[in-house]
Amino acid sequence: MDFKSKLDNIKAYFVEVFLETKRVTWPSKKDAIKGTYIVLITVVIATIFLGIVDVALAKIIQVILRG
């Protein structure tokens, strides 16, 4: 495979990618913001939960090692 055919393949790939992105149904700004809020709230809840579990397990291990 020579350089020109490789270059043509790369060019064809990017043309196909560009055409595919035109067919995508992009979310509205409102939907994107709503989705972002949902993700952030979920991350905060998971962080709080895992923090509580971490502290509880640390206390349990301290009790076991002292006893």
PDB file of N, CA and C in Angstrom:
ATOM      1  N   MET A   1       0.849  -1.173   0.000  1.00  0.00           N
ATOM      2  CA  MET A   1       0.000   0.000   0.000  1.00  0.00           C
ATOM      3  C   MET A   1       0.898   1.240   0.000  1.00  0.00           C
ATOM      4  N   ASP A   2       0.740   2.074  -0.978  1.00  0.00           N
ATOM      5  CA  ASP A   2       1.590   3.251  -1.066  1.00  0.00           C
ATOM      6  C   ASP A   2       1.021   4.418  -0.259  1.00  0.00           C
ATOM      7  N   PHE A   3       1.811   5.474  -0.179  1.00  0.00           N
ATOM      8  CA  PHE A   3       1.461   6.631   0.643  1.00  0.00           C
ATOM      9  C   PHE A   3       0.167   7.292   0.177  1.00  0.00           C
ATOM     10  N   LYS A   4      -0.018   7.398  -1.132  1.00  0.00           N
ATOM     11  CA  LYS A   4      -1.213   8.069  -1.654  1.00  0.00           C
ATOM     12  C   LYS A   4      -2.485   7.316  -1.280  1.00  0.00           C
ATOM     13  N   SER A   5      -2.469   6.000  -1.361  1.00  0.00           N
ATOM     14  CA  SER A   5      -3.672   5.241  -1.007  1.00  0.00           C
ATOM     15  C   SER A   5      -3.955   5.319   0.498  1.00  0.00           C
ATOM     16  N   LYS A   6      -2.885   5.348   1.306  1.00  0.00           N
ATOM     17  CA  LYS A   6      -3.082   5.521   2.747  1.00  0.00           C
ATOM     18  C   LYS A   6      -3.691   6.889   3.041  1.00  0.00           C
ATOM     19  N   LEU A   7      -3.196   7.898   2.362  1.00  0.00           N
ATOM     20  CA  LEU A   7      -3.713   9.253   2.540  1.00  0.00           C
ATOM     21  C   LEU A   7      -5.178   9.335   2.099  1.00  0.00           C
ATOM     22  N   ASP A   8      -5.512   8.660   1.004  1.00  0.00           N
ATOM     23  CA  ASP A   8      -6.905   8.627   0.536  1.00  0.00           C
ATOM     24  C   ASP A   8      -7.810   7.923   1.545  1.00  0.00           C
ATOM     25  N   ASN A   9      -7.317   6.846   2.146  1.00  0.00           N
ATOM     26  CA  ASN A   9      -8.099   6.138   3.165  1.00  0.00           C
ATOM     27  C   ASN A   9      -8.356   7.017   4.387  1.00  0.00           C
ATOM     28  N   ILE A  10      -7.324   7.745   4.793  1.00  0.00           N
ATOM     29  CA  ILE A  10      -7.477   8.644   5.943  1.00  0.00           C
ATOM     30  C   ILE A  10      -8.475   9.751   5.613  1.00  0.00           C
ATOM     31  N   LYS A  11      -8.383  10.310   4.430  1.00  0.00           N
ATOM     32  CA  LYS A  11      -9.300  11.366   4.008  1.00  0.00           C
ATOM     33  C   LYS A  11     -10.736  10.841   3.963  1.00  0.00           C
ATOM     34  N   ALA A  12     -10.929   9.647   3.415  1.00  0.00           N
ATOM     35  CA  ALA A  12     -12.263   9.056   3.336  1.00  0.00           C
ATOM     36  C   ALA A  12     -12.826   8.797   4.732  1.00  0.00           C
ATOM     37  N   TYR A  13     -11.985   8.385   5.646  1.00  0.00           N
ATOM     38  CA  TYR A  13     -12.421   8.139   7.022  1.00  0.00           C
ATOM     39  C   TYR A  13     -12.968   9.420   7.643  1.00  0.00           C
ATOM     40  N   PHE A  14     -12.219  10.506   7.530  1.00  0.00           N
ATOM     41  CA  PHE A  14     -12.656  11.756   8.135  1.00  0.00           C
ATOM     42  C   PHE A  14     -13.894  12.329   7.449  1.00  0.00           C
ATOM     43  N   VAL A  15     -14.033  12.119   6.160  1.00  0.00           N
ATOM     44  CA  VAL A  15     -15.250  12.543   5.464  1.00  0.00           C
ATOM     45  C   VAL A  15     -16.441  11.766   6.010  1.00  0.00           C
ATOM     46  N   GLU A  16     -16.287  10.465   6.215  1.00  0.00           N
ATOM     47  CA  GLU A  16     -17.370   9.646   6.773  1.00  0.00           C
ATOM     48  C   GLU A  16     -17.709  10.062   8.200  1.00  0.00           C
ATOM     49  N   VAL A  17     -16.690  10.379   8.985  1.00  0.00           N
ATOM     50  CA  VAL A  17     -16.931  10.845  10.354  1.00  0.00           C
ATOM     51  C   VAL A  17     -17.722  12.146  10.323  1.00  0.00           C
ATOM     52  N   PHE A  18     -17.342  13.069   9.462  1.00  0.00           N
ATOM     53  CA  PHE A  18     -18.043  14.343   9.351  1.00  0.00           C
ATOM     54  C   PHE A  18     -19.500  14.128   8.953  1.00  0.00           C
ATOM     55  N   LEU A  19     -19.732  13.266   7.977  1.00  0.00           N
ATOM     56  CA  LEU A  19     -21.103  13.006   7.536  1.00  0.00           C
ATOM     57  C   LEU A  19     -21.923  12.339   8.635  1.00  0.00           C
ATOM     58  N   GLU A  20     -21.284  11.458   9.400  1.00  0.00           N
ATOM     59  CA  GLU A  20     -21.999  10.778  10.490  1.00  0.00           C
ATOM     60  C   GLU A  20     -22.396  11.764  11.583  1.00  0.00           C
ATOM     61  N   THR A  21     -21.537  12.730  11.885  1.00  0.00           N
ATOM     62  CA  THR A  21     -21.880  13.705  12.909  1.00  0.00           C
ATOM     63  C   THR A  21     -23.049  14.587  12.495  1.00  0.00           C
ATOM     64  N   LYS A  22     -23.261  14.744  11.195  1.00  0.00           N
ATOM     65  CA  LYS A  22     -24.427  15.516  10.731  1.00  0.00           C
ATOM     66  C   LYS A  22     -25.728  14.755  10.962  1.00  0.00           C
ATOM     67  N   ARG A  23     -25.646  13.416  11.039  1.00  0.00           N
ATOM     68  CA  ARG A  23     -26.850  12.597  11.235  1.00  0.00           C
ATOM     69  C   ARG A  23     -27.216  12.426  12.706  1.00  0.00           C
ATOM     70  N   VAL A  24     -26.332  12.827  13.589  1.00  0.00           N
ATOM     71  CA  VAL A  24     -26.561  12.658  15.020  1.00  0.00           C
ATOM     72  C   VAL A  24     -27.645  13.623  15.484  1.00  0.00           C
ATOM     73  N   THR A  25     -28.520  13.134  16.349  1.00  0.00           N
ATOM     74  CA  THR A  25     -29.515  14.000  16.971  1.00  0.00           C
ATOM     75  C   THR A  25     -28.913  14.535  18.258  1.00  0.00           C
ATOM     76  N   TRP A  26     -28.491  15.793  18.231  1.00  0.00           N
ATOM     77  CA  TRP A  26     -27.844  16.396  19.374  1.00  0.00           C
ATOM     78  C   TRP A  26     -28.897  16.877  20.365  1.00  0.00           C
ATOM     79  N   PRO A  27     -28.633  16.763  21.674  1.00  0.00           N
ATOM     80  CA  PRO A  27     -29.598  17.245  22.668  1.00  0.00           C
ATOM     81  C   PRO A  27     -29.644  18.768  22.663  1.00  0.00           C
ATOM     82  N   SER A  28     -30.778  19.291  23.096  1.00  0.00           N
ATOM     83  CA  SER A  28     -30.886  20.741  23.208  1.00  0.00           C
ATOM     84  C   SER A  28     -30.032  21.204  24.384  1.00  0.00           C
ATOM     85  N   LYS A  29     -29.806  22.504  24.450  1.00  0.00           N
ATOM     86  CA  LYS A  29     -29.004  23.052  25.549  1.00  0.00           C
ATOM     87  C   LYS A  29     -29.677  22.747  26.880  1.00  0.00           C
ATOM     88  N   LYS A  30     -31.000  22.860  26.916  1.00  0.00           N
ATOM     89  CA  LYS A  30     -31.756  22.591  28.145  1.00  0.00           C
ATOM     90  C   LYS A  30     -31.566  21.136  28.588  1.00  0.00           C
ATOM     91  N   ASP A  31     -31.676  20.202  27.647  1.00  0.00           N
ATOM     92  CA  ASP A  31     -31.493  18.783  27.977  1.00  0.00           C
ATOM     93  C   ASP A  31     -30.061  18.488  28.429  1.00  0.00           C
ATOM     94  N   ALA A  32     -29.086  19.120  27.790  1.00  0.00           N
ATOM     95  CA  ALA A  32     -27.684  18.901  28.165  1.00  0.00           C
ATOM     96  C   ALA A  32     -27.420  19.415  29.582  1.00  0.00           C
ATOM     97  N   ILE A  33     -27.984  20.571  29.911  1.00  0.00           N
ATOM     98  CA  ILE A  33     -27.802  21.124  31.254  1.00  0.00           C
ATOM     99  C   ILE A  33     -28.492  20.240  32.285  1.00  0.00           C
ATOM    100  N   LYS A  34     -29.698  19.772  31.966  1.00  0.00           N
ATOM    101  CA  LYS A  34     -30.421  18.893  32.892  1.00  0.00           C
ATOM    102  C   LYS A  34     -29.623  17.604  33.137  1.00  0.00           C
ATOM    103  N   GLY A  35     -29.075  17.030  32.075  1.00  0.00           N
ATOM    104  CA  GLY A  35     -28.267  15.820  32.216  1.00  0.00           C
ATOM    105  C   GLY A  35     -27.022  16.056  33.047  1.00  0.00           C
ATOM    106  N   THR A  36     -26.415  17.240  32.879  1.00  0.00           N
ATOM    107  CA  THR A  36     -25.233  17.582  33.663  1.00  0.00           C
ATOM    108  C   THR A  36     -25.578  17.676  35.142  1.00  0.00           C
ATOM    109  N   TYR A  37     -26.706  18.306  35.461  1.00  0.00           N
ATOM    110  CA  TYR A  37     -27.132  18.400  36.860  1.00  0.00           C
ATOM    111  C   TYR A  37     -27.368  17.013  37.458  1.00  0.00           C
ATOM    112  N   ILE A  38     -27.990  16.135  36.704  1.00  0.00           N
ATOM    113  CA  ILE A  38     -28.250  14.782  37.197  1.00  0.00           C
ATOM    114  C   ILE A  38     -26.932  14.068  37.507  1.00  0.00           C
ATOM    115  N   VAL A  39     -25.972  14.202  36.614  1.00  0.00           N
ATOM    116  CA  VAL A  39     -24.671  13.560  36.838  1.00  0.00           C
ATOM    117  C   VAL A  39     -23.992  14.143  38.073  1.00  0.00           C
ATOM    118  N   LEU A  40     -23.998  15.458  38.214  1.00  0.00           N
ATOM    119  CA  LEU A  40     -23.341  16.090  39.361  1.00  0.00           C
ATOM    120  C   LEU A  40     -24.002  15.681  40.674  1.00  0.00           C
ATOM    121  N   ILE A  41     -25.322  15.651  40.713  1.00  0.00           N
ATOM    122  CA  ILE A  41     -26.033  15.247  41.928  1.00  0.00           C
ATOM    123  C   ILE A  41     -25.724  13.789  42.269  1.00  0.00           C
ATOM    124  N   THR A  42     -25.705  12.931  41.260  1.00  0.00           N
ATOM    125  CA  THR A  42     -25.388  11.519  41.477  1.00  0.00           C
ATOM    126  C   THR A  42     -23.972  11.361  42.033  1.00  0.00           C
ATOM    127  N   VAL A  43     -23.020  12.120  41.501  1.00  0.00           N
ATOM    128  CA  VAL A  43     -21.639  12.050  41.977  1.00  0.00           C
ATOM    129  C   VAL A  43     -21.544  12.515  43.422  1.00  0.00           C
ATOM    130  N   VAL A  44     -22.242  13.586  43.770  1.00  0.00           N
ATOM    131  CA  VAL A  44     -22.213  14.090  45.143  1.00  0.00           C
ATOM    132  C   VAL A  44     -22.805  13.060  46.107  1.00  0.00           C
ATOM    133  N   ILE A  45     -23.941  12.468  45.737  1.00  0.00           N
ATOM    134  CA  ILE A  45     -24.574  11.453  46.587  1.00  0.00           C
ATOM    135  C   ILE A  45     -23.651  10.244  46.761  1.00  0.00           C
ATOM    136  N   ALA A  46     -23.041   9.786  45.664  1.00  0.00           N
ATOM    137  CA  ALA A  46     -22.130   8.638  45.748  1.00  0.00           C
ATOM    138  C   ALA A  46     -20.919   8.973  46.612  1.00  0.00           C
ATOM    139  N   THR A  47     -20.412  10.195  46.505  1.00  0.00           N
ATOM    140  CA  THR A  47     -19.258  10.612  47.305  1.00  0.00           C
ATOM    141  C   THR A  47     -19.600  10.613  48.789  1.00  0.00           C
ATOM    142  N   ILE A  48     -20.753  11.161  49.133  1.00  0.00           N
ATOM    143  CA  ILE A  48     -21.178  11.192  50.533  1.00  0.00           C
ATOM    144  C   ILE A  48     -21.356   9.764  51.066  1.00  0.00           C
ATOM    145  N   PHE A  49     -22.029   8.919  50.288  1.00  0.00           N
ATOM    146  CA  PHE A  49     -22.250   7.536  50.707  1.00  0.00           C
ATOM    147  C   PHE A  49     -20.925   6.808  50.929  1.00  0.00           C
ATOM    148  N   LEU A  50     -20.019   6.912  49.971  1.00  0.00           N
ATOM    149  CA  LEU A  50     -18.736   6.215  50.103  1.00  0.00           C
ATOM    150  C   LEU A  50     -17.897   6.791  51.236  1.00  0.00           C
ATOM    151  N   GLY A  51     -18.017   8.089  51.494  1.00  0.00           N
ATOM    152  CA  GLY A  51     -17.311   8.688  52.627  1.00  0.00           C
ATOM    153  C   GLY A  51     -17.817   8.135  53.940  1.00  0.00           C
ATOM    154  N   ILE A  52     -19.137   8.019  54.075  1.00  0.00           N
ATOM    155  CA  ILE A  52     -19.724   7.452  55.289  1.00  0.00           C
ATOM    156  C   ILE A  52     -19.298   6.000  55.481  1.00  0.00           C
ATOM    157  N   VAL A  53     -19.338   5.223  54.418  1.00  0.00           N
ATOM    158  CA  VAL A  53     -18.915   3.818  54.496  1.00  0.00           C
ATOM    159  C   VAL A  53     -17.433   3.733  54.876  1.00  0.00           C
ATOM    160  N   ASP A  54     -16.603   4.596  54.313  1.00  0.00           N
ATOM    161  CA  ASP A  54     -15.173   4.597  54.617  1.00  0.00           C
ATOM    162  C   ASP A  54     -14.929   4.887  56.093  1.00  0.00           C
ATOM    163  N   VAL A  55     -15.592   5.899  56.619  1.00  0.00           N
ATOM    164  CA  VAL A  55     -15.429   6.248  58.038  1.00  0.00           C
ATOM    165  C   VAL A  55     -15.919   5.108  58.925  1.00  0.00           C
ATOM    166  N   ALA A  56     -17.064   4.525  58.587  1.00  0.00           N
ATOM    167  CA  ALA A  56     -17.610   3.429  59.391  1.00  0.00           C
ATOM    168  C   ALA A  56     -16.663   2.224  59.386  1.00  0.00           C
ATOM    169  N   LEU A  57     -16.156   1.868  58.235  1.00  0.00           N
ATOM    170  CA  LEU A  57     -15.230   0.732  58.171  1.00  0.00           C
ATOM    171  C   LEU A  57     -13.928   1.030  58.909  1.00  0.00           C
ATOM    172  N   ALA A  58     -13.461   2.260  58.842  1.00  0.00           N
ATOM    173  CA  ALA A  58     -12.245   2.631  59.576  1.00  0.00           C
ATOM    174  C   ALA A  58     -12.470   2.489  61.078  1.00  0.00           C
ATOM    175  N   LYS A  59     -13.632   2.915  61.565  1.00  0.00           N
ATOM    176  CA  LYS A  59     -13.953   2.776  62.997  1.00  0.00           C
ATOM    177  C   LYS A  59     -14.034   1.308  63.396  1.00  0.00           C
ATOM    178  N   ILE A  60     -14.657   0.487  62.555  1.00  0.00           N
ATOM    179  CA  ILE A  60     -14.769  -0.951  62.840  1.00  0.00           C
ATOM    180  C   ILE A  60     -13.386  -1.578  62.915  1.00  0.00           C
ATOM    181  N   ILE A  61     -12.514  -1.230  62.004  1.00  0.00           N
ATOM    182  CA  ILE A  61     -11.160  -1.791  61.997  1.00  0.00           C
ATOM    183  C   ILE A  61     -10.382  -1.328  63.235  1.00  0.00           C
ATOM    184  N   GLN A  62     -10.568  -0.074  63.631  1.00  0.00           N
ATOM    185  CA  GLN A  62      -9.913   0.403  64.850  1.00  0.00           C
ATOM    186  C   GLN A  62     -10.361  -0.390  66.068  1.00  0.00           C
ATOM    187  N   VAL A  63     -11.661  -0.664  66.173  1.00  0.00           N
ATOM    188  CA  VAL A  63     -12.196  -1.434  67.289  1.00  0.00           C
ATOM    189  C   VAL A  63     -11.616  -2.851  67.269  1.00  0.00           C
ATOM    190  N   ILE A  64     -11.551  -3.460  66.113  1.00  0.00           N
ATOM    191  CA  ILE A  64     -11.042  -4.835  65.998  1.00  0.00           C
ATOM    192  C   ILE A  64      -9.564  -4.886  66.378  1.00  0.00           C
ATOM    193  N   LEU A  65      -8.772  -3.920  65.921  1.00  0.00           N
ATOM    194  CA  LEU A  65      -7.333  -3.940  66.194  1.00  0.00           C
ATOM    195  C   LEU A  65      -7.005  -3.606  67.657  1.00  0.00           C
ATOM    196  N   ARG A  66      -7.833  -2.809  68.311  1.00  0.00           N
ATOM    197  CA  ARG A  66      -7.625  -2.482  69.721  1.00  0.00           C
ATOM    198  C   ARG A  66      -8.044  -3.636  70.628  1.00  0.00           C
ATOM    199  N   GLY A  67      -9.093  -4.367  70.206  1.00  0.00           N
ATOM    200  CA  GLY A  67      -9.695  -5.393  71.046  1.00  0.00           C
ATOM    201  C   GLY A  67      -8.881  -6.610  71.130  1.00  0.00           C
TER     202      GLY A  67
END
